[in-house]
Amino acid sequence: MAKKDNQKEIDIYNKSGAFPENFLDPNVIAKLAGEFFPEFRDTGGQKISGAGYEPCAGALSEDSLRLIPESLYSDGSRPQGNSGGRAPNTGPGTEPASYGRTGQANQGSSSREQGYPGYPPNSYVTDAPSYSDFPGGIEAYREGINFVEVSGKGLGARGFGDIPSLVAASEPSLSGFDVNAIRKDFPILSTYVNGRKLIWLDNAATTQKPRAVIDRVSFYYENENSNIHRGAHTLAARSTDAYEAAREKVRRFLGASSPNEIMFVRGATEGINLIAKSYGQKLQRDDEIIITWLEHHANIVPWQMLCSEKGANLRVVPVDDSGQILLNEYTKLLNHKTKIVSFPHVSNALGTVTPVKEIVELAHRYNAKVVVDGAQAVSHIPVDVQAYGCDFYVFSGHKVFGPTGIGVVYGKYDILSDMPPWEGGGNMISDVTFERTIYQPPPARFEAGTGNIADAAGLGAAIDYVTRIGLHNIYEYEHELLQYATEALRSIPGLRLIGTAPDKTSVLSFVLDQYTTEEVGAALSREGIAVRAGHHCAQPILRRFGLESTVRPSLAFYNTFDEIDALVSAVKRLRAVRPSVL
């Protein structure tokens, strides 16, 4: 159905603020589904076998419909995604053609042009119903209650579980993975540093942002900016839609059972502090908290502070020479005094992937609660908190291609419901008098004040982006990249890799004899290569290996084999200037 065919109806809306009853043409809805909801792509909006959904026109509020781009009313079809073939897993030193090494044909163009794996050009739509239209307010909205049709509007709204855009899409095969096409989605990767094209290998510190995230944040401020939940006006509805849709996307991303188990915070550091300041109030003198040698400072200091306050004891699990947790030593530390076990899913300094499920199961034998620091995991490997059985999981948005200043705490709902707030103020209250305050249930109880609404929407866009590529695909590509880089660096005389556990991801910490880490970092920067040089806020684990700092290149799925070659060549030139004495 062409736009011109609906111009009369659009004019009616612009004058009256209401769509004619016949505006929601099924053809338009089918095209919407194919454009925005991957589950319905190439299906003409028909039900997909096994998905359990029928196209739902009522899943979009009228305010959201106003935001649909004009392109949806044209007859042009959406271009398809990349078609590069998956190179065989041939090990380090090979050149998988489909991964886009120099000299190979780039088999895909920008996702801004093709619509994959990012968003269509200039296309945005709020993907949750407007809560303000519904009886029951935000609590009912968040619970996904089947609302009655809104009188006079002709839009039968359903709960979150019926909204196609909030259903996890099946991950595409790696045959469509084209790193050169993906790189075009990241504007900063076109930056020049010291006259050289930027090579960003500092992803463990922060990841770069795709255009879809940048545009989503801008779009929020241009079209949706408002406080959330209680406003009676249109922008409040739009803003609430964006915020709560992001919460649902996080729920799917982590495999949580309910959006009420998802709380927005500033980042993983604040998330761990929230748990320590709230759940930690249950601890008593001589109770014990277990952490590991692998911790970021953010998973050490809050527990030290809690132990000091409560008279509890902090116990530390050692690691072996490869940087993997010694499970037999962990088992020895567990006892009936153990109340909290907190550890990283992936080490930020070494890249070690820890055995999450096994650690959780052992802790639960003693009724201890388990906190998993997922900051370094969420951009590299699929996460399923229900499969892990963990009680809490935290991560930072900026580590998964989202904005800074937004993060997530997942917590089992029954545990959250029994936890006191850690901050007081607006939003987290149900009723206030001068005599007492009644708190909201989770997650609102833990979200005092005005939240970071724009960056929550940006985080939702980042999750959409990596989901469309597929975390399994990301892991496979990064694993081959890591193997290639490991073998190449290992060949350099006098270079010592720190962290060699068989199960690891993304991180390549090393030291180079005859050089300080600062000298190596500065030399690489002169060639446009960004790495971290220092202690990485993980001093205890580096000291375990007799070090105060390392050089830490860290990978993401937009890095290439050619960038690894550039890194290795630069280090070899340093080696040539000061030959190894080892």
Protein backbone atom coordinates (compact mmCIF):
# COMPACT_ATOMS: atom_id res chain seq x y z
CA MET A 1 0.00 0.00 0.00
CA ALA A 2 1.63 3.22 -1.10
CA LYS A 3 1.86 6.28 1.09
CA LYS A 4 -0.24 8.33 -1.30
CA ASP A 5 -3.12 5.90 -0.77
CA ASN A 6 -3.24 6.89 2.88
CA GLN A 7 -2.61 10.60 2.58
CA LYS A 8 -6.26 11.39 3.31
CA GLU A 9 -6.18 9.38 6.52
CA ILE A 10 -2.87 10.99 7.57
CA ASP A 11 -4.36 14.42 6.99
CA ILE A 12 -7.33 13.48 9.16
CA TYR A 13 -4.93 12.45 11.92
CA ASN A 14 -2.91 15.66 11.69
CA LYS A 15 -6.09 17.71 12.09
CA SER A 16 -7.96 15.66 14.67
CA GLY A 17 -5.28 13.67 16.54
CA ALA A 18 -7.10 10.41 15.77
CA PHE A 19 -6.72 7.82 13.06
CA PRO A 20 -9.78 6.69 11.12
CA GLU A 21 -10.88 3.21 12.16
CA ASN A 22 -9.84 1.74 8.84
CA PHE A 23 -6.29 3.14 8.92
CA LEU A 24 -4.60 -0.03 10.23
CA ASP A 25 -4.52 -1.80 6.95
CA PRO A 26 -3.17 -5.36 7.31
CA ASN A 27 -0.73 -4.74 4.48
CA VAL A 28 0.84 -1.89 6.40
CA ILE A 29 1.10 -4.02 9.52
CA ALA A 30 2.65 -6.87 7.54
CA LYS A 31 5.23 -4.49 6.12
CA LEU A 32 5.93 -3.14 9.62
CA ALA A 33 6.49 -6.64 10.85
CA GLY A 34 8.95 -7.42 8.11
CA GLU A 35 10.77 -4.12 8.55
CA PHE A 36 11.22 -4.05 12.28
CA PHE A 37 10.61 -7.50 13.66
CA PRO A 38 13.10 -10.10 12.47
CA GLU A 39 10.76 -12.91 13.47
CA PHE A 40 8.37 -11.87 10.70
CA ARG A 41 10.90 -10.94 8.05
CA ASP A 42 10.14 -12.48 4.66
CA THR A 43 6.89 -13.93 5.97
CA GLY A 44 4.49 -11.29 4.87
CA GLY A 45 3.50 -10.85 8.48
CA GLN A 46 2.17 -14.38 8.75
CA LYS A 47 2.59 -16.50 11.86
CA ILE A 48 5.91 -18.28 12.00
CA SER A 49 5.85 -21.92 12.93
CA GLY A 50 6.84 -22.36 16.54
CA ALA A 51 6.87 -18.67 17.37
CA GLY A 52 3.46 -18.73 18.97
CA TYR A 53 2.46 -15.32 17.68
CA GLU A 54 0.08 -13.79 15.27
CA PRO A 55 0.72 -10.31 13.90
CA CYS A 56 -0.52 -7.85 16.49
CA ALA A 57 -1.53 -4.43 15.20
CA GLY A 58 -2.42 -3.43 18.72
CA ALA A 59 1.15 -3.88 19.88
CA LEU A 60 1.88 -0.38 18.55
CA SER A 61 0.38 2.68 20.17
CA GLU A 62 -0.96 5.45 18.01
CA ASP A 63 1.86 7.68 19.19
CA SER A 64 4.32 5.05 18.11
CA LEU A 65 2.64 4.75 14.74
CA ARG A 66 3.27 8.44 14.14
CA LEU A 67 6.99 7.70 14.34
CA ILE A 68 6.96 5.15 11.52
CA PRO A 69 9.11 6.43 8.65
CA GLU A 70 7.60 7.32 5.33
CA SER A 71 9.56 4.58 3.64
CA LEU A 72 7.16 2.04 5.03
CA TYR A 73 4.45 3.44 2.80
CA SER A 74 6.43 2.91 -0.37
CA ASP A 75 6.38 -0.16 -2.55
CA GLY A 76 10.13 -0.76 -2.34
CA SER A 77 11.25 -3.94 -0.66
CA ARG A 78 13.91 -4.05 2.03
CA PRO A 79 17.32 -5.18 0.78
CA GLN A 80 18.54 -8.44 2.26
CA GLY A 81 21.51 -8.97 4.52
CA ASN A 82 25.01 -10.05 3.71
CA SER A 83 25.66 -13.32 1.99
CA GLY A 84 29.33 -14.03 2.55
CA GLY A 85 30.16 -17.71 3.08
CA ARG A 86 31.59 -19.00 6.33
CA ALA A 87 35.20 -19.96 6.07
CA PRO A 88 36.12 -23.32 7.54
CA ASN A 89 37.62 -23.40 11.01
CA THR A 90 41.15 -23.85 9.82
CA GLY A 91 42.99 -22.45 12.82
CA PRO A 92 45.51 -19.66 13.33
CA GLY A 93 47.38 -18.31 10.38
CA THR A 94 44.65 -18.90 7.86
CA GLU A 95 42.72 -16.23 6.06
CA PRO A 96 38.98 -16.89 6.17
CA ALA A 97 37.73 -15.06 3.12
CA SER A 98 34.27 -14.34 4.41
CA TYR A 99 35.71 -12.51 7.43
CA GLY A 100 36.80 -9.69 5.20
CA ARG A 101 40.64 -9.75 5.30
CA THR A 102 42.36 -7.30 3.01
CA GLY A 103 42.34 -8.57 -0.55
CA GLN A 104 39.01 -10.38 -0.14
CA ALA A 105 35.88 -9.08 -1.73
CA ASN A 106 33.63 -7.28 0.67
CA GLN A 107 30.43 -9.26 0.27
CA GLY A 108 28.20 -6.88 2.11
CA SER A 109 27.65 -3.18 2.36
CA SER A 110 26.82 -0.99 5.27
CA SER A 111 24.00 -2.15 7.48
CA ARG A 112 22.71 1.39 7.31
CA GLU A 113 22.24 0.70 3.61
CA GLN A 114 21.08 -2.90 3.82
CA GLY A 115 19.32 -2.96 7.14
CA TYR A 116 21.43 -5.79 8.59
CA PRO A 117 22.69 -6.15 11.22
CA GLY A 118 21.70 -2.61 12.22
CA TYR A 119 18.47 -0.70 11.78
CA PRO A 120 17.03 0.52 8.48
CA PRO A 121 18.08 4.07 7.59
CA ASN A 122 16.18 6.65 9.63
CA SER A 123 13.72 4.06 10.86
CA TYR A 124 12.57 3.99 14.43
CA VAL A 125 9.52 2.75 16.16
CA THR A 126 8.75 2.36 19.81
CA ASP A 127 8.28 -1.34 20.33
CA ALA A 128 6.01 -1.46 23.34
CA PRO A 129 2.46 -0.27 23.91
CA SER A 130 1.94 3.07 25.55
CA TYR A 131 1.30 2.41 29.23
CA SER A 132 -0.70 5.58 29.71
CA ASP A 133 -3.45 4.25 27.47
CA PHE A 134 -4.01 1.20 29.63
CA PRO A 135 -6.03 0.53 32.76
CA GLY A 136 -3.82 -0.46 35.66
CA GLY A 137 -0.92 1.91 35.00
CA ILE A 138 2.74 1.00 34.79
CA GLU A 139 2.49 -1.97 37.17
CA ALA A 140 -0.04 -3.69 34.97
CA TYR A 141 1.86 -2.67 31.86
CA ARG A 142 5.07 -4.20 33.15
CA GLU A 143 3.34 -7.41 34.16
CA GLY A 144 2.10 -7.94 30.64
CA ILE A 145 -1.58 -8.14 31.48
CA ASN A 146 -3.96 -8.62 28.57
CA PHE A 147 -5.65 -5.27 28.45
CA VAL A 148 -9.09 -4.64 27.07
CA GLU A 149 -9.40 -2.76 23.82
CA VAL A 150 -9.04 0.95 24.37
CA SER A 151 -12.45 2.43 23.72
CA GLY A 152 -12.67 4.64 20.69
CA LYS A 153 -9.17 3.92 19.40
CA GLY A 154 -9.60 0.53 17.83
CA LEU A 155 -6.26 -0.70 19.14
CA GLY A 156 -6.45 -3.93 21.06
CA ALA A 157 -3.29 -3.90 23.19
CA ARG A 158 -1.74 -7.04 24.63
CA GLY A 159 0.98 -7.68 27.14
CA PHE A 160 4.72 -7.88 26.47
CA GLY A 161 4.55 -11.60 25.80
CA ASP A 162 2.46 -11.01 22.70
CA ILE A 163 4.57 -8.30 21.14
CA PRO A 164 6.57 -9.69 18.22
CA SER A 165 9.33 -7.10 18.53
CA LEU A 166 10.10 -8.31 22.02
CA VAL A 167 10.49 -11.94 21.07
CA ALA A 168 14.02 -13.25 20.73
CA ALA A 169 14.88 -13.77 17.10
CA SER A 170 16.70 -16.87 15.99
CA GLU A 171 20.33 -16.05 15.39
CA PRO A 172 21.49 -15.90 11.78
CA SER A 173 24.17 -18.29 10.64
CA LEU A 174 27.79 -17.23 10.45
CA SER A 175 27.50 -17.47 6.70
CA GLY A 176 26.16 -13.92 6.82
CA PHE A 177 28.97 -12.58 9.04
CA ASP A 178 30.95 -9.94 7.18
CA VAL A 179 33.29 -8.00 9.42
CA ASN A 180 33.91 -5.30 6.81
CA ALA A 181 30.19 -4.60 6.52
CA ILE A 182 29.85 -4.57 10.30
CA ARG A 183 32.70 -2.09 10.67
CA LYS A 184 30.79 0.42 8.54
CA ASP A 185 28.20 0.57 11.31
CA PHE A 186 30.77 2.07 13.72
CA PRO A 187 31.61 5.68 12.75
CA ILE A 188 34.57 5.99 15.13
CA LEU A 189 36.42 3.18 13.34
CA SER A 190 36.97 5.65 10.47
CA THR A 191 38.92 7.94 12.82
CA TYR A 192 42.61 8.62 12.22
CA VAL A 193 45.11 8.78 15.08
CA ASN A 194 48.59 10.14 14.43
CA GLY A 195 47.87 9.93 10.71
CA ARG A 196 46.90 6.25 10.87
CA LYS A 197 43.52 4.53 10.78
CA LEU A 198 42.39 3.80 14.34
CA ILE A 199 42.79 0.20 15.48
CA TRP A 200 40.62 -0.12 18.57
CA LEU A 201 41.92 -2.93 20.78
CA ASP A 202 40.76 -1.53 24.11
CA ASN A 203 37.36 -3.19 24.11
CA ALA A 204 37.66 -4.57 27.64
CA ALA A 205 37.71 -0.95 28.84
CA THR A 206 34.81 0.14 26.64
CA THR A 207 33.33 -0.87 23.31
CA GLN A 208 32.59 1.44 20.42
CA LYS A 209 29.00 2.25 19.47
CA PRO A 210 27.20 1.38 16.25
CA ARG A 211 25.23 4.00 14.39
CA ALA A 212 21.99 2.33 15.54
CA VAL A 213 22.84 3.14 19.17
CA ILE A 214 24.00 6.68 18.46
CA ASP A 215 20.87 7.38 16.44
CA ARG A 216 18.60 5.82 19.05
CA VAL A 217 19.90 8.09 21.80
CA SER A 218 19.59 11.14 19.55
CA PHE A 219 16.11 10.09 18.53
CA TYR A 220 15.06 9.88 22.17
CA TYR A 221 16.09 13.45 22.88
CA GLU A 222 14.53 14.72 19.67
CA ASN A 223 11.21 12.90 19.92
CA GLU A 224 10.57 11.24 23.30
CA ASN A 225 12.32 13.22 26.06
CA SER A 226 10.22 13.21 29.21
CA ASN A 227 10.17 11.70 32.65
CA ILE A 228 8.51 8.33 32.81
CA HIS A 229 5.56 6.40 34.26
CA ARG A 230 3.26 9.02 35.71
CA GLY A 231 2.91 11.72 33.06
CA ALA A 232 -0.50 12.08 31.45
CA HIS A 233 0.90 13.45 28.21
CA THR A 234 2.15 11.98 24.98
CA LEU A 235 5.89 12.37 25.56
CA ALA A 236 5.63 10.65 28.94
CA ALA A 237 4.02 7.71 27.20
CA ARG A 238 6.70 7.62 24.52
CA SER A 239 9.50 7.87 27.09
CA THR A 240 7.98 5.13 29.22
CA ASP A 241 7.60 2.95 26.15
CA ALA A 242 11.27 3.34 25.37
CA TYR A 243 12.42 2.67 28.94
CA GLU A 244 10.27 -0.37 29.61
CA ALA A 245 10.94 -1.82 26.16
CA ALA A 246 14.64 -1.64 26.99
CA ARG A 247 14.01 -3.48 30.25
CA GLU A 248 12.24 -6.25 28.38
CA LYS A 249 15.07 -6.50 25.86
CA VAL A 250 17.53 -6.93 28.73
CA ARG A 251 15.30 -9.63 30.22
CA ARG A 252 15.43 -11.59 26.97
CA PHE A 253 19.13 -10.96 26.58
CA LEU A 254 19.91 -12.46 29.99
CA GLY A 255 17.22 -15.13 29.92
CA ALA A 256 15.48 -13.79 33.04
CA SER A 257 11.94 -14.90 33.79
CA SER A 258 10.41 -11.44 34.26
CA PRO A 259 11.23 -7.79 33.50
CA ASN A 260 10.58 -7.19 37.21
CA GLU A 261 13.92 -8.92 37.83
CA ILE A 262 15.80 -6.27 35.83
CA MET A 263 17.00 -3.04 37.45
CA PHE A 264 18.79 -0.20 35.71
CA VAL A 265 21.87 1.25 37.37
CA ARG A 266 24.89 3.25 36.17
CA GLY A 267 27.06 0.20 35.55
CA ALA A 268 28.39 -3.06 36.98
CA THR A 269 30.23 -1.21 39.77
CA GLU A 270 27.05 0.44 41.00
CA GLY A 271 25.22 -2.86 40.59
CA ILE A 272 27.60 -4.71 42.91
CA ASN A 273 27.42 -1.85 45.40
CA LEU A 274 23.62 -2.02 45.30
CA ILE A 275 23.69 -5.72 46.20
CA ALA A 276 26.28 -5.18 48.94
CA LYS A 277 24.40 -2.23 50.46
CA SER A 278 20.99 -3.90 50.25
CA TYR A 279 21.19 -7.68 50.45
CA GLY A 280 24.40 -7.33 52.43
CA GLN A 281 22.46 -5.88 55.36
CA LYS A 282 21.43 -9.45 56.20
CA LEU A 283 24.98 -10.41 57.12
CA GLN A 284 26.04 -10.85 60.72
CA ARG A 285 29.36 -11.00 62.56
CA ASP A 286 31.61 -13.87 61.44
CA ASP A 287 29.57 -14.56 58.29
CA GLU A 288 31.74 -15.12 55.23
CA ILE A 289 31.90 -13.76 51.71
CA ILE A 290 33.88 -15.62 49.04
CA ILE A 291 35.47 -13.92 46.03
CA THR A 292 38.35 -14.97 43.76
CA TRP A 293 41.81 -13.79 42.75
CA LEU A 294 40.34 -12.82 39.36
CA GLU A 295 38.30 -9.86 40.58
CA HIS A 296 38.08 -6.36 39.25
CA HIS A 297 38.40 -3.89 42.13
CA ALA A 298 34.65 -3.30 41.87
CA ASN A 299 34.10 -6.86 43.07
CA ILE A 300 36.56 -6.52 45.96
CA VAL A 301 36.13 -3.11 47.56
CA PRO A 302 32.32 -3.19 48.17
CA TRP A 303 32.66 -6.57 49.92
CA GLN A 304 35.60 -5.31 52.00
CA MET A 305 33.48 -2.35 53.07
CA LEU A 306 30.59 -4.66 53.95
CA CYS A 307 32.85 -6.98 55.96
CA SER A 308 34.25 -4.01 57.86
CA GLU A 309 30.74 -2.79 58.64
CA LYS A 310 29.30 -6.15 59.67
CA GLY A 311 32.33 -7.88 61.18
CA ALA A 312 32.18 -10.52 58.43
CA ASN A 313 35.16 -12.23 56.81
CA LEU A 314 36.34 -12.12 53.20
CA ARG A 315 37.73 -15.36 51.76
CA VAL A 316 39.54 -15.60 48.42
CA VAL A 317 39.68 -18.52 45.98
CA PRO A 318 43.14 -18.99 44.39
CA VAL A 319 43.82 -19.57 40.70
CA ASP A 320 46.29 -21.83 38.91
CA ASP A 321 49.21 -20.68 36.76
CA SER A 322 46.95 -20.37 33.72
CA GLY A 323 44.57 -18.03 35.54
CA GLN A 324 41.68 -20.48 36.10
CA ILE A 325 39.86 -20.84 39.40
CA LEU A 326 40.93 -23.84 41.50
CA LEU A 327 37.58 -25.45 42.16
CA ASN A 328 38.97 -27.87 44.73
CA GLU A 329 40.23 -24.91 46.79
CA TYR A 330 36.90 -23.13 46.34
CA THR A 331 35.11 -26.19 47.70
CA LYS A 332 37.33 -26.13 50.79
CA LEU A 333 36.33 -22.53 51.55
CA LEU A 334 32.58 -23.20 51.42
CA ASN A 335 30.83 -23.78 54.73
CA HIS A 336 27.62 -22.85 56.54
CA LYS A 337 29.03 -19.42 57.37
CA THR A 338 29.24 -18.63 53.65
CA LYS A 339 26.49 -16.15 52.82
CA ILE A 340 27.65 -14.60 49.52
CA VAL A 341 29.83 -15.86 46.67
CA SER A 342 30.78 -13.22 44.09
CA PHE A 343 33.00 -13.78 41.07
CA PRO A 344 33.54 -12.70 37.45
CA HIS A 345 32.03 -14.53 34.48
CA VAL A 346 35.10 -13.42 32.49
CA SER A 347 38.27 -11.90 33.94
CA ASN A 348 38.90 -8.38 32.67
CA ALA A 349 42.68 -8.77 33.08
CA LEU A 350 43.19 -12.30 31.74
CA GLY A 351 40.09 -13.19 29.70
CA THR A 352 39.51 -16.38 31.72
CA VAL A 353 35.97 -17.75 31.38
CA THR A 354 34.97 -19.18 34.74
CA PRO A 355 32.75 -22.28 35.27
CA VAL A 356 29.69 -20.31 36.35
CA LYS A 357 27.16 -23.11 36.68
CA GLU A 358 29.47 -25.31 38.76
CA ILE A 359 30.42 -22.46 41.10
CA VAL A 360 26.75 -21.58 41.60
CA GLU A 361 25.70 -25.16 42.29
CA LEU A 362 28.42 -25.63 44.91
CA ALA A 363 27.49 -22.37 46.67
CA HIS A 364 23.80 -23.25 46.77
CA ARG A 365 24.58 -26.43 48.68
CA TYR A 366 25.32 -24.12 51.59
CA ASN A 367 22.40 -21.73 50.84
CA ALA A 368 24.79 -18.96 49.87
CA LYS A 369 23.65 -16.33 47.39
CA VAL A 370 25.72 -15.95 44.23
CA VAL A 371 26.61 -12.72 42.42
CA VAL A 372 28.11 -12.95 38.93
CA ASP A 373 30.00 -9.98 37.49
CA GLY A 374 29.15 -10.24 33.81
CA ALA A 375 30.73 -6.99 32.61
CA GLN A 376 33.33 -8.74 30.43
CA ALA A 377 31.07 -11.58 29.31
CA VAL A 378 27.94 -10.05 27.81
CA SER A 379 29.55 -8.81 24.59
CA HIS A 380 31.29 -12.10 23.85
CA ILE A 381 29.24 -15.11 24.93
CA PRO A 382 25.53 -15.91 25.32
CA VAL A 383 24.19 -15.57 28.88
CA ASP A 384 21.32 -17.49 30.49
CA VAL A 385 20.83 -16.59 34.12
CA GLN A 386 18.15 -19.20 34.67
CA ALA A 387 20.38 -21.95 33.32
CA TYR A 388 23.21 -20.74 35.55
CA GLY A 389 20.93 -20.54 38.58
CA CYS A 390 22.74 -17.45 39.87
CA ASP A 391 20.94 -15.13 42.26
CA PHE A 392 22.34 -11.90 40.79
CA TYR A 393 24.02 -10.94 37.52
CA VAL A 394 25.41 -7.48 36.75
CA PHE A 395 26.84 -5.82 33.65
CA SER A 396 27.64 -2.41 32.15
CA GLY A 397 25.99 -1.15 28.98
CA HIS A 398 29.16 0.42 27.59
CA LYS A 399 30.86 -3.00 27.52
CA VAL A 400 28.23 -4.31 25.11
CA PHE A 401 28.27 -1.50 22.51
CA GLY A 402 25.76 0.62 24.45
CA PRO A 403 26.11 4.04 26.07
CA THR A 404 28.09 4.82 29.19
CA GLY A 405 26.23 5.52 32.41
CA ILE A 406 23.75 2.66 32.08
CA GLY A 407 24.03 -0.83 33.54
CA VAL A 408 21.91 -3.69 34.77
CA VAL A 409 21.33 -5.75 37.89
CA TYR A 410 19.43 -8.99 37.46
CA GLY A 411 18.11 -10.53 40.66
CA LYS A 412 15.71 -13.35 41.41
CA TYR A 413 12.39 -11.73 42.21
CA ASP A 414 11.79 -13.44 45.55
CA ILE A 415 15.21 -12.27 46.74
CA LEU A 416 14.68 -8.72 45.49
CA SER A 417 11.29 -8.54 47.19
CA ASP A 418 12.94 -9.23 50.52
CA MET A 419 15.69 -6.64 50.08
CA PRO A 420 15.50 -3.06 51.43
CA PRO A 421 16.04 -0.10 49.09
CA TRP A 422 19.55 1.20 48.97
CA GLU A 423 18.61 4.74 47.92
CA GLY A 424 15.56 6.80 48.87
CA GLY A 425 13.65 9.34 46.82
CA GLY A 426 11.12 9.55 44.05
CA ASN A 427 9.89 6.66 41.88
CA MET A 428 10.80 4.00 44.45
CA ILE A 429 7.89 4.87 46.76
CA SER A 430 4.27 3.83 46.81
CA ASP A 431 3.18 6.24 49.53
CA VAL A 432 4.91 8.74 51.78
CA THR A 433 3.78 10.46 54.97
CA PHE A 434 5.91 12.12 57.62
CA GLU A 435 5.46 9.03 59.73
CA ARG A 436 6.33 6.26 57.27
CA THR A 437 7.07 5.32 53.68
CA ILE A 438 5.71 2.38 51.69
CA TYR A 439 8.09 1.20 48.98
CA GLN A 440 7.34 0.00 45.49
CA PRO A 441 7.95 -3.64 44.61
CA PRO A 442 11.00 -4.46 42.50
CA PRO A 443 12.37 -3.18 40.24
CA ALA A 444 11.07 0.32 41.03
CA ARG A 445 12.19 -0.08 44.66
CA PHE A 446 15.79 0.08 43.47
CA GLU A 447 15.45 2.88 40.91
CA ALA A 448 15.21 6.05 42.99
CA GLY A 449 15.12 9.35 41.14
CA THR A 450 15.04 10.03 37.43
CA GLY A 451 16.66 7.18 35.60
CA ASN A 452 19.02 7.32 32.65
CA ILE A 453 16.13 6.96 30.22
CA ALA A 454 17.90 7.89 27.00
CA ASP A 455 20.81 5.55 27.59
CA ALA A 456 18.48 2.73 28.60
CA ALA A 457 16.90 3.11 25.16
CA GLY A 458 20.41 3.13 23.71
CA LEU A 459 21.23 -0.08 25.58
CA GLY A 460 18.11 -1.64 24.11
CA ALA A 461 19.33 -0.69 20.63
CA ALA A 462 22.74 -2.21 21.37
CA ILE A 463 21.11 -5.46 22.47
CA ASP A 464 19.03 -5.48 19.29
CA TYR A 465 22.20 -5.02 17.29
CA VAL A 466 24.24 -7.86 18.80
CA THR A 467 21.17 -10.12 18.82
CA ARG A 468 20.72 -9.66 15.09
CA ILE A 469 24.33 -10.63 14.48
CA GLY A 470 24.02 -13.49 16.99
CA LEU A 471 26.19 -13.96 20.07
CA HIS A 472 27.05 -17.47 18.98
CA ASN A 473 28.37 -16.02 15.72
CA ILE A 474 30.25 -13.33 17.62
CA TYR A 475 31.83 -15.93 19.89
CA GLU A 476 32.93 -18.13 16.99
CA TYR A 477 34.49 -15.26 15.07
CA GLU A 478 36.22 -13.79 18.13
CA HIS A 479 37.51 -17.21 19.14
CA GLU A 480 39.30 -17.63 15.82
CA LEU A 481 40.60 -14.08 16.08
CA LEU A 482 41.86 -14.76 19.61
CA GLN A 483 43.59 -17.99 18.57
CA TYR A 484 45.27 -16.25 15.65
CA ALA A 485 46.47 -13.37 17.85
CA THR A 486 47.65 -15.69 20.62
CA GLU A 487 49.85 -17.74 18.30
CA ALA A 488 51.23 -14.65 16.59
CA LEU A 489 52.16 -12.89 19.84
CA ARG A 490 53.55 -16.10 21.31
CA SER A 491 56.10 -16.21 18.46
CA ILE A 492 57.74 -12.92 19.54
CA PRO A 493 60.90 -13.49 21.63
CA GLY A 494 60.71 -12.11 25.15
CA LEU A 495 56.93 -11.62 25.06
CA ARG A 496 55.10 -13.31 27.93
CA LEU A 497 51.37 -13.88 27.73
CA ILE A 498 49.56 -13.51 31.05
CA GLY A 499 46.43 -15.64 31.31
CA THR A 500 46.56 -18.84 29.31
CA ALA A 501 43.51 -20.75 30.53
CA PRO A 502 42.09 -23.11 27.91
CA ASP A 503 38.68 -21.46 28.22
CA LYS A 504 39.10 -17.73 27.66
CA THR A 505 37.85 -14.94 25.47
CA SER A 506 38.73 -11.51 24.13
CA VAL A 507 41.78 -10.54 26.25
CA LEU A 508 45.49 -10.78 25.36
CA SER A 509 47.51 -9.51 28.34
CA PHE A 510 51.26 -9.54 27.91
CA VAL A 511 54.56 -8.05 29.02
CA LEU A 512 57.62 -7.49 26.81
CA ASP A 513 61.08 -7.71 28.32
CA GLN A 514 63.30 -4.62 28.00
CA TYR A 515 60.16 -2.46 27.95
CA THR A 516 57.76 -1.05 30.50
CA THR A 517 54.09 -1.55 29.72
CA GLU A 518 53.72 2.21 29.43
CA GLU A 519 56.41 2.33 26.75
CA VAL A 520 54.69 -0.39 24.75
CA GLY A 521 51.31 1.29 25.06
CA ALA A 522 52.70 4.66 23.95
CA ALA A 523 54.56 3.13 21.01
CA LEU A 524 51.40 1.36 19.82
CA SER A 525 49.39 4.55 20.18
CA ARG A 526 51.83 6.36 17.88
CA GLU A 527 50.81 3.82 15.24
CA GLY A 528 47.10 4.35 15.85
CA ILE A 529 46.68 1.17 17.93
CA ALA A 530 44.68 1.63 21.13
CA VAL A 531 45.44 -0.81 23.95
CA ARG A 532 45.30 -0.60 27.73
CA ALA A 533 48.58 -0.47 29.69
CA GLY A 534 48.35 -0.61 33.48
CA HIS A 535 46.81 -2.68 36.24
CA HIS A 536 43.30 -2.74 34.72
CA CYS A 537 41.71 -2.22 38.16
CA ALA A 538 42.74 -5.79 38.93
CA GLN A 539 45.93 -5.47 40.97
CA PRO A 540 45.62 -8.69 43.02
CA ILE A 541 45.49 -11.01 40.00
CA LEU A 542 48.44 -9.29 38.30
CA ARG A 543 50.45 -9.57 41.51
CA ARG A 544 49.61 -13.29 41.52
CA PHE A 545 51.85 -13.41 38.44
CA GLY A 546 54.50 -11.11 39.92
CA LEU A 547 53.43 -8.05 37.95
CA GLU A 548 52.11 -4.56 38.57
CA SER A 549 50.85 -3.97 35.03
CA THR A 550 50.42 -5.53 31.61
CA VAL A 551 49.73 -4.45 28.06
CA ARG A 552 46.17 -5.53 27.32
CA PRO A 553 44.87 -5.69 23.76
CA SER A 554 41.24 -6.80 23.90
CA LEU A 555 39.00 -7.85 21.04
CA ALA A 556 35.51 -7.26 19.69
CA PHE A 557 33.69 -8.65 16.66
CA TYR A 558 34.55 -5.57 14.55
CA ASN A 559 38.29 -6.27 14.86
CA THR A 560 40.03 -7.97 11.96
CA PHE A 561 42.92 -10.32 11.29
CA ASP A 562 44.69 -7.45 9.54
CA GLU A 563 44.49 -5.39 12.74
CA ILE A 564 46.09 -8.27 14.62
CA ASP A 565 48.83 -8.35 11.99
CA ALA A 566 49.38 -4.62 12.52
CA LEU A 567 49.62 -5.13 16.29
CA VAL A 568 52.10 -7.98 15.95
CA SER A 569 54.22 -6.08 13.43
CA ALA A 570 54.40 -3.06 15.74
CA VAL A 571 55.52 -5.20 18.69
CA LYS A 572 58.11 -6.94 16.49
CA ARG A 573 59.56 -3.53 15.56
CA LEU A 574 59.92 -2.74 19.24
CA ARG A 575 61.59 -6.10 19.71
CA ALA A 576 64.08 -5.27 16.95
CA VAL A 577 65.09 -2.02 18.68
CA ARG A 578 65.73 -3.75 22.01
CA PRO A 579 66.43 -7.44 21.47
CA SER A 580 65.22 -9.85 24.11
CA VAL A 581 67.63 -11.00 26.82
CA LEU A 582 65.39 -13.90 27.78
